[in-house]
Amino acid sequence: MKMMMRAKINTGAITLGVAGVILAGAVAGIGAPNTKQGSAPTAVAQPTQEHPAGCYLIWGNRDLVRTCDFLKGGQIMVQWRDIAPARGKYDWSKLDEGLRFFAKIGRPTTVQVNANTKPDWLWDYVANCGNNRGVIPQYWDPRYITIQKEWITALADHLKASPYKHLILCVRASPNAIGTEHTWVLPADRSPSDTWIYPPDGHRCPTPWTRGETSKKYYYTIMKTYMDALMPEINVALRANLFTQSYPDGEAQHLIDEGGWIFGTGSDIDPHGGNYKTYEAVDLLSVQMARSGKTKAYWENWGTVESHPNGISWNYWRCLMELHKGVSYVAVKGWAVRASLENPEYRPTFEFVNRYAGFHTSPTKSPGAWCALRKGKERPSGNYWWFLEQIDPDGTSVAVESDYGRKMIGLDEQRFGRFARRTDVTSGKREFFFRLDPEFRASLRQQPCRLRVWYLDDGQGAWQVRWASGPTGERTVQKSGSGRWKEYVVDLPGSAFHGMLERKGDLSLVAMGENDTTFHMVEITRAR
């Protein structure tokens, strides 16, 4: 049984608050989703190469992929300006250099062409609508759309003919309209059309900055162009914003049904920016599409180590969130990889990702099951779990917060204490229960397993972990007051879990006496 989430995405209600401009008008060359397509996924041939799930370097020195064994692969990014010195002429040397590097070390890589800088020759064909945000092409002009299609097709032809094609995990598709990611500008930032710089031949596309359908249709057209040009030989990862922002009502769903992956770039365990619903929507899309097994997902985080109070715990919980979302390929920025070389608290996070990534739809093959305890307010809220779910979290335990890492639960140098849950004896919340996925439980029956519980060793008293009634089905753990997060481990036969506890639970954590205990995670792994 696949891990299915109870949370339902209402992307129709999350239009992502685009306060800026969405361009209107039907423009030649811009497609639109075929809303008459059936709901059944289309059978599409898939690439034969299956690359390992886990941690992939992004925005860092690619040599780190060679030296860090926990990195499964890396990233090749080239600028449109660099690969296209003239219209119809291409220089693939930087791209090929990257492919040769990954071929030499035997690791896969993503490929992306960004457009933070535009080729100088572009302005011979389309207007520059630039303003105080910099250079902005009139990207809804049919000329611009044609030019985009030209170089995407050329890129696809080059990659499909490359001897290193088998190393490409996916090509990240970007709209490359305003910078790399954006297709809108705030009204206050817009320049009036009489200040635009038009091409020398006098060409003008009459459609102005207006509100309407043009922006999202452009987005769809470019994403579809990537898919048509590259698939099925090479995987294409589509920006999640296409589905949550441009087409929140599902009109673009068929692109996923036809084999498109999804990827995001703003992952954050804490809220940032304006309306957090904007960011949460793409996380929930991953839950809906990737965790359910409908597609595969690649996700990149937001910010740097300086962006987050207590980067150690931020990195850890962000990675747990990606697993919870069903992300198979977790992009790790260079700063976090470099931090792992100096601080040993980082590496176990990446090893945990590599152990579990890609098994979210395979309970009988997953190396284990776990539940990380939290509440949180967003991105998404609640516990993060993997074939092991807490029963009635708020009814049986109390969530503990750290003010997003500013006041850590336990010691600052340990990665666990950004979130937690604890017992609350005074209010009757003495015991909380966990239930295993039935297919995972059945697959354990004929093998030994290991039960791990992470708890905060603060204060005095004791707690119990139970998996059956009676003294043979429980263990008591005495706290020593060290103030550190500790791990309790017990080896058990897989047949020990049978869902016969109260609330049909497979195991429970119990406060002994009048002393409460704070917990981080429960994990059950197959013995090796």
Protein backbone atom coordinates (compact mmCIF):
# COMPACT_ATOMS: atom_id res chain seq x y z
CA MET A 1 0.00 0.00 0.00
CA LYS A 2 1.36 3.39 -0.98
CA MET A 3 1.71 6.09 1.64
CA MET A 4 -1.40 8.13 1.00
CA MET A 5 -1.91 11.47 2.74
CA ARG A 6 -5.17 12.54 4.31
CA ALA A 7 -4.54 16.17 3.43
CA LYS A 8 -6.33 17.16 0.24
CA ILE A 9 -4.89 19.88 -1.92
CA ASN A 10 -7.29 22.63 -2.81
CA THR A 11 -5.07 24.37 -5.30
CA GLY A 12 -8.09 26.06 -6.76
CA ALA A 13 -8.25 28.12 -3.59
CA ILE A 14 -4.51 28.75 -3.63
CA THR A 15 -3.94 30.92 -6.66
CA LEU A 16 -0.68 31.96 -5.04
CA GLY A 17 -1.52 35.59 -4.63
CA VAL A 18 0.29 36.84 -7.70
CA ALA A 19 0.14 40.51 -6.91
CA GLY A 20 1.96 41.27 -10.10
CA VAL A 21 0.93 41.22 -13.69
CA ILE A 22 -0.50 38.35 -15.66
CA LEU A 23 -0.61 39.15 -19.32
CA ALA A 24 -3.80 38.79 -21.27
CA GLY A 25 -4.85 38.09 -24.83
CA ALA A 26 -4.49 35.22 -27.21
CA VAL A 27 -1.03 35.35 -28.74
CA ALA A 28 0.00 33.38 -31.77
CA GLY A 29 2.41 30.59 -30.94
CA ILE A 30 1.17 30.15 -27.38
CA GLY A 31 -0.58 26.90 -26.61
CA ALA A 32 -3.07 26.04 -23.93
CA PRO A 33 -3.80 22.85 -22.03
CA ASN A 34 -6.17 20.41 -23.66
CA THR A 35 -8.86 20.43 -21.01
CA LYS A 36 -10.83 17.74 -22.87
CA GLN A 37 -8.25 15.05 -22.23
CA GLY A 38 -9.39 12.02 -20.31
CA SER A 39 -8.37 11.53 -16.72
CA ALA A 40 -6.56 8.26 -17.35
CA PRO A 41 -2.78 8.65 -17.65
CA THR A 42 -1.38 8.26 -21.14
CA ALA A 43 1.00 5.33 -21.61
CA VAL A 44 4.35 6.92 -22.41
CA ALA A 45 7.70 5.25 -23.06
CA GLN A 46 10.15 6.05 -20.28
CA PRO A 47 13.93 6.30 -20.33
CA THR A 48 15.56 2.97 -19.59
CA GLN A 49 18.22 4.47 -17.30
CA GLU A 50 17.20 4.51 -13.63
CA HIS A 51 19.40 6.77 -11.52
CA PRO A 52 19.79 6.41 -7.76
CA ALA A 53 17.48 8.39 -5.52
CA GLY A 54 18.98 10.48 -2.76
CA CYS A 55 21.09 13.63 -2.36
CA TYR A 56 22.19 15.65 -5.39
CA LEU A 57 24.53 18.62 -5.25
CA ILE A 58 23.22 21.98 -6.44
CA TRP A 59 24.86 25.41 -6.48
CA GLY A 60 28.27 24.21 -5.39
CA ASN A 61 31.64 23.19 -6.77
CA ARG A 62 30.93 20.05 -8.76
CA ASP A 63 34.15 18.52 -7.46
CA LEU A 64 32.26 17.96 -4.20
CA VAL A 65 30.32 15.20 -5.99
CA ARG A 66 33.60 13.39 -6.59
CA THR A 67 34.83 13.75 -3.00
CA CYS A 68 31.60 13.31 -1.02
CA ASP A 69 30.29 9.77 -1.17
CA PHE A 70 26.82 10.72 0.10
CA LEU A 71 26.16 12.75 -3.06
CA LYS A 72 24.51 10.62 -5.72
CA GLY A 73 24.99 13.20 -8.47
CA GLY A 74 25.19 16.87 -9.33
CA GLN A 75 24.11 19.76 -11.52
CA ILE A 76 25.09 21.32 -14.83
CA MET A 77 23.83 24.86 -15.33
CA VAL A 78 24.63 26.98 -18.36
CA GLN A 79 23.31 30.40 -19.33
CA TRP A 80 21.33 30.90 -22.51
CA ARG A 81 23.65 33.79 -23.35
CA ASP A 82 26.66 31.45 -23.31
CA ILE A 83 25.23 28.64 -25.41
CA ALA A 84 23.73 30.88 -28.12
CA PRO A 85 26.27 33.41 -29.46
CA ALA A 86 23.93 34.09 -32.40
CA ARG A 87 20.47 33.04 -33.40
CA GLY A 88 20.60 29.49 -34.71
CA LYS A 89 24.25 29.03 -33.69
CA TYR A 90 25.16 27.15 -30.55
CA ASP A 91 28.22 26.62 -28.39
CA TRP A 92 27.78 23.50 -26.26
CA SER A 93 31.34 23.47 -24.89
CA LYS A 94 30.43 24.34 -21.26
CA LEU A 95 27.60 21.83 -21.27
CA ASP A 96 29.78 19.08 -22.72
CA GLU A 97 32.57 19.86 -20.27
CA GLY A 98 30.15 19.21 -17.44
CA LEU A 99 28.91 15.97 -18.96
CA ARG A 100 32.47 14.73 -19.41
CA PHE A 101 33.19 15.48 -15.74
CA PHE A 102 30.25 13.40 -14.54
CA ALA A 103 31.12 10.64 -16.99
CA LYS A 104 34.62 10.52 -15.53
CA ILE A 105 33.36 10.10 -11.95
CA GLY A 106 30.44 7.88 -12.95
CA ARG A 107 27.65 9.98 -11.41
CA PRO A 108 24.40 11.32 -12.91
CA THR A 109 23.53 14.98 -13.22
CA THR A 110 20.69 17.35 -13.87
CA VAL A 111 20.91 19.79 -16.79
CA GLN A 112 19.41 23.26 -16.94
CA VAL A 113 19.67 26.34 -19.14
CA ASN A 114 19.00 29.53 -17.22
CA ALA A 115 18.34 32.97 -18.64
CA ASN A 116 19.49 35.31 -15.91
CA THR A 117 21.32 37.01 -18.76
CA LYS A 118 19.89 37.22 -22.27
CA PRO A 119 21.91 37.09 -25.52
CA ASP A 120 22.70 40.53 -26.97
CA TRP A 121 21.29 39.53 -30.35
CA LEU A 122 17.83 38.95 -28.82
CA TRP A 123 17.09 42.68 -28.97
CA ASP A 124 17.32 42.57 -32.76
CA TYR A 125 14.06 40.60 -32.68
CA VAL A 126 11.98 41.56 -29.63
CA ALA A 127 11.35 44.61 -27.47
CA ASN A 128 13.16 45.26 -24.22
CA CYS A 129 10.52 46.15 -21.63
CA GLY A 130 13.13 46.69 -18.94
CA ASN A 131 12.57 48.69 -15.81
CA ASN A 132 14.14 49.04 -12.38
CA ARG A 133 14.31 45.24 -12.17
CA GLY A 134 16.56 45.08 -15.21
CA VAL A 135 16.24 43.61 -18.69
CA ILE A 136 12.83 42.16 -19.53
CA PRO A 137 12.01 40.86 -23.01
CA GLN A 138 8.50 41.12 -24.38
CA TYR A 139 8.28 37.39 -23.91
CA TRP A 140 4.66 37.09 -25.03
CA ASP A 141 5.71 38.27 -28.50
CA PRO A 142 5.37 35.33 -30.96
CA ARG A 143 8.95 36.05 -32.06
CA TYR A 144 10.26 35.40 -28.56
CA ILE A 145 8.27 32.19 -28.28
CA THR A 146 9.67 30.99 -31.59
CA ILE A 147 13.21 31.75 -30.47
CA GLN A 148 12.64 29.83 -27.22
CA LYS A 149 11.37 26.82 -29.16
CA GLU A 150 14.39 26.97 -31.47
CA TRP A 151 17.04 26.71 -28.78
CA ILE A 152 15.10 24.17 -26.68
CA THR A 153 14.85 21.94 -29.75
CA ALA A 154 18.55 22.41 -30.44
CA LEU A 155 19.39 21.54 -26.83
CA ALA A 156 17.28 18.40 -27.05
CA ASP A 157 18.93 17.32 -30.30
CA HIS A 158 22.37 17.82 -28.80
CA LEU A 159 21.63 15.93 -25.59
CA LYS A 160 19.93 13.03 -27.33
CA ALA A 161 22.96 12.64 -29.60
CA SER A 162 25.45 12.89 -26.72
CA PRO A 163 27.42 9.79 -25.69
CA TYR A 164 26.67 10.88 -22.11
CA LYS A 165 22.90 10.97 -22.48
CA HIS A 166 22.59 8.09 -20.03
CA LEU A 167 24.04 10.27 -17.25
CA ILE A 168 21.25 12.87 -17.38
CA LEU A 169 18.86 12.49 -14.46
CA CYS A 170 16.53 15.10 -15.91
CA VAL A 171 16.44 18.43 -17.67
CA ARG A 172 14.95 21.17 -15.50
CA ALA A 173 12.50 23.16 -17.60
CA SER A 174 12.28 26.89 -16.90
CA PRO A 175 10.20 29.60 -18.58
CA ASN A 176 13.24 31.88 -19.04
CA ALA A 177 11.03 34.92 -19.53
CA ILE A 178 11.92 37.38 -16.76
CA GLY A 179 15.21 36.05 -15.51
CA THR A 180 14.88 32.29 -15.23
CA GLU A 181 11.81 31.70 -13.07
CA HIS A 182 9.39 34.58 -13.38
CA THR A 183 6.67 35.63 -15.80
CA TRP A 184 5.22 38.63 -13.99
CA VAL A 185 6.18 42.06 -12.73
CA LEU A 186 4.52 44.11 -10.03
CA PRO A 187 2.46 46.98 -11.48
CA ALA A 188 4.65 49.51 -9.69
CA ASP A 189 7.71 48.05 -11.44
CA ARG A 190 6.28 48.10 -14.95
CA SER A 191 7.56 50.49 -17.58
CA PRO A 192 5.07 52.11 -19.95
CA SER A 193 5.25 50.88 -23.52
CA ASP A 194 6.43 54.24 -24.84
CA THR A 195 9.70 53.70 -22.95
CA TRP A 196 10.37 50.24 -24.36
CA ILE A 197 13.28 49.71 -26.70
CA TYR A 198 12.02 48.10 -29.90
CA PRO A 199 14.06 46.03 -32.38
CA PRO A 200 15.77 47.88 -35.26
CA ASP A 201 13.41 46.47 -37.90
CA GLY A 202 10.50 48.29 -36.28
CA HIS A 203 8.68 45.12 -35.23
CA ARG A 204 6.11 45.60 -32.51
CA CYS A 205 3.87 43.09 -30.77
CA PRO A 206 0.78 45.13 -29.91
CA THR A 207 -0.23 43.19 -26.80
CA PRO A 208 0.58 45.36 -23.73
CA TRP A 209 1.08 44.57 -20.06
CA THR A 210 -2.41 43.43 -19.11
CA ARG A 211 -4.06 40.96 -16.81
CA GLY A 212 -5.34 37.68 -18.27
CA GLU A 213 -4.27 34.39 -19.79
CA THR A 214 -1.16 35.16 -21.80
CA SER A 215 1.38 34.63 -19.02
CA LYS A 216 0.16 31.20 -18.01
CA LYS A 217 -0.28 30.10 -21.61
CA TYR A 218 3.32 31.10 -22.30
CA TYR A 219 4.43 29.08 -19.27
CA TYR A 220 2.50 26.04 -20.49
CA THR A 221 3.84 26.36 -24.03
CA ILE A 222 7.47 26.37 -22.92
CA MET A 223 7.02 23.45 -20.52
CA LYS A 224 5.28 21.45 -23.25
CA THR A 225 8.07 22.33 -25.70
CA TYR A 226 10.65 20.79 -23.35
CA MET A 227 8.62 17.61 -23.05
CA ASP A 228 7.97 17.27 -26.78
CA ALA A 229 11.63 17.86 -27.63
CA LEU A 230 13.29 15.65 -24.99
CA MET A 231 10.97 12.84 -23.98
CA PRO A 232 10.93 9.90 -23.83
CA GLU A 233 14.72 9.63 -24.17
CA ILE A 234 15.42 12.17 -21.41
CA ASN A 235 13.31 12.98 -18.35
CA VAL A 236 11.92 16.50 -18.05
CA ALA A 237 11.21 18.09 -14.66
CA LEU A 238 8.51 20.77 -14.84
CA ARG A 239 8.35 23.67 -12.44
CA ALA A 240 5.71 23.00 -9.82
CA ASN A 241 4.45 26.57 -10.12
CA LEU A 242 2.92 25.66 -13.46
CA PHE A 243 0.41 23.48 -11.62
CA THR A 244 -0.15 25.55 -8.48
CA GLN A 245 0.02 29.06 -9.87
CA SER A 246 -0.75 29.05 -13.58
CA TYR A 247 -3.22 26.14 -13.68
CA PRO A 248 -4.40 25.48 -10.11
CA ASP A 249 -7.59 23.83 -11.33
CA GLY A 250 -5.80 20.92 -12.96
CA GLU A 251 -5.92 21.83 -16.66
CA ALA A 252 -2.19 21.05 -17.00
CA GLN A 253 -2.43 17.75 -15.08
CA HIS A 254 -2.08 15.77 -18.31
CA LEU A 255 1.60 16.82 -18.53
CA ILE A 256 2.25 14.74 -15.41
CA ASP A 257 0.07 11.93 -16.75
CA GLU A 258 2.26 11.95 -19.86
CA GLY A 259 5.43 11.40 -17.85
CA GLY A 260 6.58 14.84 -16.75
CA TRP A 261 8.35 15.09 -13.41
CA ILE A 262 7.96 18.06 -11.06
CA PHE A 263 10.55 20.18 -9.28
CA GLY A 264 10.58 23.09 -6.89
CA THR A 265 13.15 25.68 -5.85
CA GLY A 266 11.85 27.30 -2.65
CA SER A 267 11.78 24.50 -0.11
CA ASP A 268 11.93 25.75 3.47
CA ILE A 269 10.95 24.16 6.75
CA ASP A 270 10.25 27.68 8.09
CA PRO A 271 8.00 30.34 6.53
CA HIS A 272 9.74 33.01 4.47
CA GLY A 273 8.68 35.86 2.27
CA GLY A 274 5.04 36.88 2.08
CA ASN A 275 2.04 34.59 2.10
CA TYR A 276 3.38 31.19 3.12
CA LYS A 277 0.47 29.55 1.29
CA THR A 278 2.30 30.46 -1.91
CA TYR A 279 5.14 28.15 -0.93
CA GLU A 280 3.07 25.53 0.84
CA ALA A 281 1.05 24.95 -2.33
CA VAL A 282 4.00 23.46 -4.18
CA ASP A 283 4.84 21.24 -1.19
CA LEU A 284 1.28 19.93 -1.15
CA LEU A 285 1.50 19.35 -4.90
CA SER A 286 4.46 17.05 -4.25
CA VAL A 287 2.47 15.19 -1.60
CA GLN A 288 -0.38 14.77 -4.05
CA MET A 289 1.65 13.85 -7.13
CA ALA A 290 5.01 12.43 -6.02
CA ARG A 291 4.23 10.76 -2.70
CA SER A 292 1.24 9.08 -4.32
CA GLY A 293 3.51 7.64 -7.03
CA LYS A 294 1.98 9.55 -9.94
CA THR A 295 5.32 11.10 -10.84
CA LYS A 296 8.85 11.72 -9.55
CA ALA A 297 10.04 14.87 -7.84
CA TYR A 298 13.29 16.81 -7.49
CA TRP A 299 13.42 19.64 -4.93
CA GLU A 300 15.82 22.45 -4.16
CA ASN A 301 15.83 24.43 -0.93
CA TRP A 302 15.68 28.15 -0.35
CA GLY A 303 18.41 30.30 1.15
CA THR A 304 21.84 29.76 2.66
CA VAL A 305 23.15 28.74 6.04
CA GLU A 306 22.92 32.37 7.15
CA SER A 307 19.23 32.46 6.15
CA HIS A 308 18.13 30.07 8.87
CA PRO A 309 18.55 30.12 12.66
CA ASN A 310 20.37 26.91 13.59
CA GLY A 311 21.29 25.64 10.13
CA ILE A 312 22.01 22.16 11.47
CA SER A 313 18.42 21.51 12.49
CA TRP A 314 17.00 23.47 9.56
CA ASN A 315 18.88 21.25 7.10
CA TYR A 316 17.78 18.10 8.92
CA TRP A 317 14.09 18.93 9.11
CA ARG A 318 14.02 20.26 5.59
CA CYS A 319 15.33 16.89 4.38
CA LEU A 320 12.74 15.01 6.45
CA MET A 321 10.09 17.19 4.84
CA GLU A 322 11.31 16.28 1.34
CA LEU A 323 11.06 12.57 2.15
CA HIS A 324 7.58 13.11 3.59
CA LYS A 325 6.60 14.86 0.34
CA GLY A 326 7.74 11.88 -1.73
CA VAL A 327 10.75 13.66 -3.24
CA SER A 328 13.13 11.10 -4.72
CA TYR A 329 15.93 13.51 -5.60
CA VAL A 330 16.82 15.94 -2.80
CA ALA A 331 18.98 18.83 -3.98
CA VAL A 332 21.57 19.87 -1.40
CA LYS A 333 23.26 23.23 -1.77
CA GLY A 334 27.02 23.56 -1.64
CA TRP A 335 26.94 25.38 1.69
CA ALA A 336 25.34 22.39 3.41
CA VAL A 337 27.78 19.95 1.82
CA ARG A 338 30.73 22.08 2.90
CA ALA A 339 29.26 22.34 6.40
CA SER A 340 29.14 18.53 6.57
CA LEU A 341 32.90 18.42 6.06
CA GLU A 342 33.42 20.50 9.21
CA ASN A 343 30.49 19.46 11.41
CA PRO A 344 29.69 15.74 11.76
CA GLU A 345 26.08 16.53 12.74
CA TYR A 346 25.21 17.20 9.08
CA ARG A 347 26.27 13.93 7.51
CA PRO A 348 23.71 11.64 9.25
CA THR A 349 20.97 13.74 7.67
CA PHE A 350 22.21 13.00 4.16
CA GLU A 351 22.73 9.34 4.97
CA PHE A 352 19.15 9.14 6.23
CA VAL A 353 17.90 10.66 2.96
CA ASN A 354 19.92 8.20 0.90
CA ARG A 355 18.61 5.27 2.93
CA TYR A 356 14.95 6.10 2.35
CA ALA A 357 14.62 8.21 -0.80
CA GLY A 358 12.72 6.49 -3.58
CA PHE A 359 10.96 3.90 -1.38
CA HIS A 360 7.90 6.00 -0.57
CA THR A 361 5.59 3.81 -2.68
CA SER A 362 7.22 0.49 -1.73
CA PRO A 363 6.31 -0.58 1.83
CA THR A 364 7.53 -4.12 1.29
CA LYS A 365 10.95 -2.91 0.08
CA SER A 366 11.49 0.15 2.26
CA PRO A 367 14.43 -0.31 4.65
CA GLY A 368 12.30 0.97 7.48
CA ALA A 369 9.40 3.04 8.76
CA TRP A 370 9.55 6.21 10.83
CA CYS A 371 7.59 9.08 12.28
CA ALA A 372 9.20 12.46 13.06
CA LEU A 373 7.13 14.32 15.62
CA ARG A 374 6.10 17.93 15.12
CA LYS A 375 3.19 20.19 14.53
CA GLY A 376 4.48 23.28 12.80
CA LYS A 377 2.25 25.80 11.12
CA GLU A 378 3.03 25.17 7.47
CA ARG A 379 5.22 23.60 4.75
CA PRO A 380 3.19 21.28 5.35
CA SER A 381 2.09 21.09 8.97
CA GLY A 382 1.93 18.00 11.16
CA ASN A 383 4.18 15.01 11.72
CA TYR A 384 6.42 13.78 8.93
CA TRP A 385 6.02 10.03 8.57
CA TRP A 386 6.99 7.05 6.48
CA PHE A 387 4.85 3.92 6.84
CA LEU A 388 4.52 4.69 10.58
CA GLU A 389 1.80 7.13 11.63
CA GLN A 390 1.02 8.59 15.04
CA ILE A 391 -2.62 8.04 15.98
CA ASP A 392 -4.44 11.24 16.99
CA PRO A 393 -1.30 13.36 17.56
CA ASP A 394 -2.97 16.39 19.14
CA GLY A 395 -5.32 14.29 21.23
CA THR A 396 -2.54 12.26 22.84
CA SER A 397 0.52 14.53 22.89
CA VAL A 398 1.61 18.17 23.01
CA ALA A 399 3.62 19.79 20.22
CA VAL A 400 6.79 21.62 21.24
CA GLU A 401 8.20 24.44 19.09
CA SER A 402 11.58 26.19 18.96
CA ASP A 403 10.55 29.52 17.40
CA TYR A 404 11.99 28.27 14.10
CA GLY A 405 15.33 27.33 15.61
CA ARG A 406 15.88 30.39 17.76
CA LYS A 407 15.17 28.52 21.02
CA MET A 408 16.15 24.95 20.34
CA ILE A 409 14.58 22.06 22.21
CA GLY A 410 17.63 20.48 23.81
CA LEU A 411 21.16 21.37 22.80
CA ASP A 412 21.82 23.74 19.90
CA GLU A 413 24.51 21.51 18.42
CA GLN A 414 22.14 18.56 17.93
CA ARG A 415 19.99 18.46 14.79
CA PHE A 416 16.76 17.11 16.29
CA GLY A 417 15.20 19.84 18.43
CA ARG A 418 13.57 22.24 16.00
CA PHE A 419 10.26 20.46 16.61
CA ALA A 420 9.09 17.71 18.98
CA ARG A 421 6.12 16.25 20.83
CA ARG A 422 5.86 15.38 24.51
CA THR A 423 3.55 13.71 26.96
CA ASP A 424 1.45 15.88 29.24
CA VAL A 425 0.52 13.88 32.30
CA THR A 426 -1.43 16.70 33.96
CA SER A 427 -3.90 16.85 31.07
CA GLY A 428 -4.15 13.07 30.69
CA LYS A 429 -1.87 12.80 27.67
CA ARG A 430 0.27 10.06 29.14
CA GLU A 431 0.57 7.67 26.18
CA PHE A 432 0.65 8.11 22.45
CA PHE A 433 0.29 5.41 19.86
CA PHE A 434 1.69 4.55 16.45
CA ARG A 435 0.34 2.36 13.68
CA LEU A 436 2.41 0.66 10.98
CA ASP A 437 1.39 0.47 7.37
CA PRO A 438 -0.19 -3.03 7.04
CA GLU A 439 1.96 -4.03 4.07
CA PHE A 440 5.15 -2.92 5.82
CA ARG A 441 4.10 -4.78 8.99
CA ALA A 442 3.39 -7.97 7.03
CA SER A 443 6.77 -7.76 5.29
CA LEU A 444 8.54 -7.72 8.68
CA ARG A 445 7.03 -10.97 9.93
CA GLN A 446 9.81 -13.29 8.86
CA GLN A 447 12.80 -11.15 9.77
CA PRO A 448 14.37 -9.41 12.77
CA CYS A 449 14.11 -5.65 13.12
CA ARG A 450 15.43 -2.80 15.22
CA LEU A 451 13.30 -0.28 17.09
CA ARG A 452 14.79 3.16 17.74
CA VAL A 453 13.31 5.97 19.82
CA TRP A 454 14.90 9.43 20.09
CA TYR A 455 14.04 11.24 23.31
CA LEU A 456 15.20 14.30 25.23
CA ASP A 457 17.08 13.24 28.36
CA ASP A 458 15.97 16.14 30.51
CA GLY A 459 14.86 16.00 34.12
CA GLN A 460 14.33 12.77 36.01
CA GLY A 461 11.86 9.92 35.82
CA ALA A 462 11.35 7.26 33.21
CA TRP A 463 9.31 6.37 30.14
CA GLN A 464 8.30 3.16 28.43
CA VAL A 465 8.07 1.92 24.89
CA ARG A 466 5.45 -0.81 24.40
CA TRP A 467 4.66 -3.10 21.48
CA ALA A 468 2.59 -5.75 23.29
CA SER A 469 0.84 -6.21 26.62
CA GLY A 470 2.80 -7.63 29.52
CA PRO A 471 6.44 -7.27 30.64
CA THR A 472 7.85 -9.05 27.58
CA GLY A 473 6.30 -6.44 25.32
CA GLU A 474 7.76 -3.31 26.87
CA ARG A 475 11.00 -1.65 27.93
CA THR A 476 11.50 1.03 30.57
CA VAL A 477 14.07 3.79 30.00
CA GLN A 478 15.41 5.79 32.94
CA LYS A 479 16.40 9.38 32.22
CA SER A 480 19.62 10.84 33.64
CA GLY A 481 19.04 14.57 33.12
CA SER A 482 21.91 15.14 30.69
CA GLY A 483 19.88 17.57 28.60
CA ARG A 484 20.89 15.80 25.38
CA TRP A 485 18.83 14.02 22.77
CA LYS A 486 19.46 10.29 23.15
CA GLU A 487 18.61 7.21 21.13
CA TYR A 488 17.13 4.11 22.71
CA VAL A 489 17.55 0.92 20.68
CA VAL A 490 15.99 -2.52 21.08
CA ASP A 491 16.19 -5.49 18.69
CA LEU A 492 12.95 -7.38 18.14
CA PRO A 493 11.47 -10.02 15.89
CA GLY A 494 9.35 -8.51 13.13
CA SER A 495 6.40 -10.51 14.40
CA ALA A 496 6.37 -8.37 17.58
CA PHE A 497 4.15 -5.80 15.84
CA HIS A 498 0.58 -6.93 15.33
CA GLY A 499 -1.65 -3.89 15.89
CA MET A 500 -3.17 -5.23 19.08
CA LEU A 501 -2.50 -2.30 21.40
CA GLU A 502 -5.12 0.26 22.33
CA ARG A 503 -6.42 2.19 19.29
CA LYS A 504 -5.14 -0.71 17.16
CA GLY A 505 -1.63 0.59 17.64
CA ASP A 506 1.58 -1.32 16.97
CA LEU A 507 3.61 0.51 19.61
CA SER A 508 3.27 3.33 22.11
CA LEU A 509 5.38 5.74 24.17
CA VAL A 510 4.30 6.09 27.79
CA ALA A 511 5.15 8.55 30.56
CA MET A 512 5.92 6.81 33.87
CA GLY A 513 4.80 8.43 37.09
CA GLU A 514 4.30 12.19 36.99
CA ASN A 515 7.28 13.03 34.76
CA ASP A 516 6.78 14.02 31.13
CA THR A 517 9.16 13.12 28.31
CA THR A 518 9.80 14.85 24.97
CA PHE A 519 10.26 12.71 21.87
CA HIS A 520 11.63 13.35 18.41
CA MET A 521 11.27 10.20 16.31
CA VAL A 522 10.35 6.54 16.29
CA GLU A 523 11.96 4.33 13.64
CA ILE A 524 11.64 0.63 12.87
CA THR A 525 14.26 -0.77 10.50
CA ARG A 526 14.87 -4.15 8.98
CA ALA A 527 17.90 -5.81 10.55
CA ARG A 528 20.85 -6.09 8.21
